[in-house]
Amino acid sequence: MAKPNRNDPYPCGSGKRYKHCCGSVANPGKSVGGVAAEGAPDVMAGAAIAPCARRIVGIDLSANMLAKAKERNIYERLLQADLLPAMRDEPSATYDVVPAADVFVYLGRLDEVVAQAARLLRPGGVFAFSVEALEALAEGKRGDGQEFVLNDKGRFAHAAPYIERLAAANGLRLLELTGVQSRLEQGVAVQGWLVLMAR
């Protein structure tokens, strides 16, 4: 893929020039590692980050998702694997961005995932992910001081203090921990956290 000119329109459709959109937040030519769990959209979201990336690696359990991602022809590698073993197999300090949207709802404890993401990031690299917010659950469903809980829908929700602790424990700066609507479920908004951590 050709490196965009800083005055080119950005392909995301924002109407902004590259220097004011993608170029302002991520230098072109970065190495992006996309992590995704079964049924998660991350490997399909590669097109959104492709203009900013020199190489993209996608991980998913689903062969169908990987086949769809392969059709986009933007990935250096697509791995059908469990997330943690795949992360462990990657060399240290090789990625500038590790994104994971709607992945960690399938994982409870995130300690090793965050440790692996920190290991994979180059200095200045960003780990961007979303989780469902434990704090948004009904009071009787939150647990007493729990870091994460399995909700009634079979997905995990994570507490903000847990996310903060993971960043600090792994030498990452917490750039953002913002409440967002992570999905609609039967017409009802599910609240989550959008998290940005930096090396």
Protein backbone atom coordinates (compact mmCIF):
# COMPACT_ATOMS: atom_id res chain seq x y z
CA MET A 1 0.00 0.00 0.00
CA ALA A 2 1.38 3.43 -0.95
CA LYS A 3 2.13 5.87 1.83
CA PRO A 4 -0.54 8.60 1.83
CA ASN A 5 0.50 12.20 1.23
CA ARG A 6 -0.20 14.36 4.26
CA ASN A 7 -2.58 16.54 2.21
CA ASP A 8 -4.54 13.63 0.72
CA PRO A 9 -8.11 13.15 1.93
CA TYR A 10 -8.16 10.51 4.64
CA PRO A 11 -9.85 7.30 3.43
CA CYS A 12 -12.00 6.87 6.54
CA GLY A 13 -14.51 9.30 5.05
CA SER A 14 -14.02 11.94 7.74
CA GLY A 15 -13.50 14.60 5.08
CA LYS A 16 -10.29 15.67 6.79
CA ARG A 17 -6.86 15.71 5.25
CA TYR A 18 -4.56 12.89 6.28
CA LYS A 19 -2.37 15.19 8.40
CA HIS A 20 -5.41 16.17 10.49
CA CYS A 21 -6.84 12.68 10.86
CA CYS A 22 -4.75 9.51 10.83
CA GLY A 23 -1.49 11.40 10.32
CA SER A 24 -2.03 13.42 13.47
CA VAL A 25 -2.40 10.41 15.75
CA ALA A 26 -0.26 7.73 14.19
CA ASN A 27 2.70 8.02 11.89
CA PRO A 28 2.28 6.12 8.65
CA GLY A 29 4.37 3.00 8.40
CA LYS A 30 3.58 1.72 11.87
CA SER A 31 3.30 -1.97 12.67
CA VAL A 32 -0.18 -2.77 13.88
CA GLY A 33 -1.09 -6.03 15.57
CA GLY A 34 -4.80 -6.72 15.56
CA VAL A 35 -5.98 -9.09 18.23
CA ALA A 36 -9.42 -10.62 18.03
CA ALA A 37 -11.31 -13.43 19.69
CA GLU A 38 -13.95 -15.68 18.20
CA GLY A 39 -16.71 -13.66 16.60
CA ALA A 40 -15.04 -10.34 17.40
CA PRO A 41 -14.80 -7.64 14.73
CA ASP A 42 -11.14 -6.69 15.04
CA VAL A 43 -9.80 -8.66 12.11
CA MET A 44 -12.55 -7.10 10.03
CA ALA A 45 -11.64 -3.61 11.24
CA GLY A 46 -8.21 -3.72 9.64
CA ALA A 47 -9.37 -1.54 6.74
CA ALA A 48 -9.82 1.38 9.15
CA ILE A 49 -6.20 1.21 10.30
CA ALA A 50 -4.59 0.01 7.08
CA PRO A 51 -3.76 3.53 5.80
CA CYS A 52 -1.68 4.11 8.94
CA ALA A 53 0.06 0.74 8.98
CA ARG A 54 3.03 -0.84 7.30
CA ARG A 55 1.92 -4.28 8.40
CA ILE A 56 -1.10 -5.72 10.17
CA VAL A 57 -1.33 -9.07 11.93
CA GLY A 58 -4.77 -10.45 12.79
CA ILE A 59 -5.66 -13.16 15.31
CA ASP A 60 -9.03 -14.89 15.51
CA LEU A 61 -10.38 -18.28 16.51
CA SER A 62 -12.95 -18.29 13.72
CA ALA A 63 -11.88 -19.65 10.32
CA ASN A 64 -14.88 -17.84 8.77
CA MET A 65 -13.80 -14.46 10.17
CA LEU A 66 -10.24 -15.06 8.99
CA ALA A 67 -11.48 -15.98 5.50
CA LYS A 68 -13.44 -12.71 5.32
CA ALA A 69 -10.43 -10.77 6.61
CA LYS A 70 -8.19 -12.43 4.02
CA GLU A 71 -10.45 -11.13 1.23
CA ARG A 72 -9.46 -7.60 2.25
CA ASN A 73 -5.84 -8.30 1.29
CA ILE A 74 -4.38 -5.96 3.90
CA TYR A 75 -2.92 -8.40 6.44
CA GLU A 76 0.67 -9.52 6.51
CA ARG A 77 -0.44 -12.53 8.56
CA LEU A 78 -3.72 -13.95 9.79
CA LEU A 79 -3.48 -16.46 12.63
CA GLN A 80 -6.18 -18.89 13.68
CA ALA A 81 -5.22 -19.21 17.32
CA ASP A 82 -6.10 -18.54 20.91
CA LEU A 83 -5.14 -15.01 21.83
CA LEU A 84 -2.58 -15.56 24.59
CA PRO A 85 -0.49 -18.28 22.89
CA ALA A 86 -0.42 -16.18 19.71
CA MET A 87 0.72 -13.11 21.65
CA ARG A 88 3.39 -15.13 23.47
CA ASP A 89 4.80 -16.30 20.13
CA GLU A 90 5.34 -12.75 18.81
CA PRO A 91 8.74 -11.06 19.37
CA SER A 92 8.99 -8.29 21.94
CA ALA A 93 8.79 -4.59 21.02
CA THR A 94 7.51 -5.20 17.48
CA TYR A 95 4.18 -3.32 17.42
CA ASP A 96 3.19 0.31 17.63
CA VAL A 97 -0.51 -0.40 18.12
CA VAL A 98 -2.30 -3.40 19.61
CA PRO A 99 -6.09 -2.94 19.22
CA ALA A 100 -8.77 -5.22 20.67
CA ALA A 101 -12.41 -4.12 20.42
CA ASP A 102 -15.11 -6.37 21.87
CA VAL A 103 -12.57 -9.10 22.57
CA PHE A 104 -12.16 -9.07 26.34
CA VAL A 105 -15.85 -9.69 27.01
CA TYR A 106 -14.81 -13.33 26.45
CA LEU A 107 -11.93 -13.19 28.95
CA GLY A 108 -12.19 -12.57 32.67
CA ARG A 109 -8.71 -12.06 34.06
CA LEU A 110 -6.72 -9.73 31.79
CA ASP A 111 -3.42 -9.66 33.70
CA GLU A 112 -1.41 -11.72 31.23
CA VAL A 113 -3.06 -10.18 28.16
CA VAL A 114 -2.07 -6.68 29.30
CA ALA A 115 1.43 -7.92 30.22
CA GLN A 116 1.82 -9.45 26.75
CA ALA A 117 0.52 -6.30 25.05
CA ALA A 118 3.03 -4.22 27.04
CA ARG A 119 5.80 -6.60 25.97
CA LEU A 120 4.79 -6.40 22.31
CA LEU A 121 4.65 -2.60 22.19
CA ARG A 122 7.56 -0.45 21.10
CA PRO A 123 8.26 2.67 23.19
CA GLY A 124 5.42 5.10 22.54
CA GLY A 125 3.14 2.28 21.35
CA VAL A 126 -0.55 2.17 22.22
CA PHE A 127 -2.76 -0.64 23.51
CA ALA A 128 -6.38 0.24 22.64
CA PHE A 129 -9.26 -1.94 23.78
CA SER A 130 -12.81 -2.01 25.02
CA VAL A 131 -14.51 -3.90 27.82
CA GLU A 132 -18.00 -3.94 29.25
CA ALA A 133 -18.22 -1.79 32.40
CA LEU A 134 -18.76 -3.68 35.64
CA GLU A 135 -19.93 -0.42 37.20
CA ALA A 136 -22.91 -0.32 34.80
CA LEU A 137 -24.31 -3.65 36.00
CA ALA A 138 -27.25 -3.67 38.41
CA GLU A 139 -26.04 -3.28 41.99
CA GLY A 140 -26.66 -6.89 42.99
CA LYS A 141 -24.77 -8.17 39.92
CA ARG A 142 -21.49 -6.28 40.46
CA GLY A 143 -19.97 -8.47 43.13
CA ASP A 144 -18.34 -6.99 46.20
CA GLY A 145 -15.13 -5.28 45.10
CA GLN A 146 -14.67 -7.71 42.21
CA GLU A 147 -12.27 -6.84 39.40
CA PHE A 148 -14.45 -8.59 36.83
CA VAL A 149 -17.66 -10.62 36.79
CA LEU A 150 -19.45 -12.90 34.35
CA ASN A 151 -22.77 -11.24 33.52
CA ASP A 152 -26.13 -12.83 32.77
CA LYS A 153 -25.39 -12.80 29.03
CA GLY A 154 -22.24 -14.92 29.45
CA ARG A 155 -19.82 -12.04 28.88
CA PHE A 156 -17.33 -10.54 31.29
CA ALA A 157 -17.57 -7.00 32.62
CA HIS A 158 -14.47 -5.31 34.06
CA ALA A 159 -14.07 -2.66 36.75
CA ALA A 160 -12.30 0.65 36.09
CA PRO A 161 -9.96 0.26 39.11
CA TYR A 162 -8.86 -3.13 37.70
CA ILE A 163 -7.98 -1.52 34.36
CA GLU A 164 -6.07 1.24 36.17
CA ARG A 165 -4.16 -1.34 38.24
CA LEU A 166 -3.22 -3.35 35.14
CA ALA A 167 -1.80 -0.28 33.43
CA ALA A 168 0.33 0.63 36.45
CA ALA A 169 1.48 -2.96 37.04
CA ASN A 170 2.77 -3.23 33.47
CA GLY A 171 4.51 0.13 33.18
CA LEU A 172 1.84 1.55 30.87
CA ARG A 173 0.43 5.06 31.03
CA LEU A 174 -3.35 5.16 31.11
CA LEU A 175 -4.19 7.76 28.48
CA GLU A 176 -7.91 7.25 28.45
CA LEU A 177 -10.60 5.35 30.33
CA THR A 178 -13.86 6.63 28.89
CA GLY A 179 -17.40 5.38 29.30
CA VAL A 180 -18.93 4.38 25.97
CA GLN A 181 -21.87 2.44 24.59
CA SER A 182 -20.16 -0.80 23.64
CA ARG A 183 -23.13 -2.47 21.91
CA LEU A 184 -26.90 -2.61 21.63
CA GLU A 185 -28.51 -5.71 22.99
CA GLN A 186 -32.20 -6.13 22.19
CA GLY A 187 -32.40 -2.36 21.76
CA VAL A 188 -30.75 -1.63 25.11
CA ALA A 189 -27.37 0.10 25.31
CA VAL A 190 -24.61 -1.88 27.01
CA GLN A 191 -22.13 0.41 28.73
CA GLY A 192 -18.43 -0.19 28.46
CA TRP A 193 -14.99 1.33 28.85
CA LEU A 194 -12.81 2.49 25.96
CA VAL A 195 -9.23 2.17 27.14
CA LEU A 196 -5.98 3.59 25.75
CA MET A 197 -2.70 2.64 27.39
CA ALA A 198 0.70 3.77 26.16
CA ARG A 199 4.21 2.32 26.56
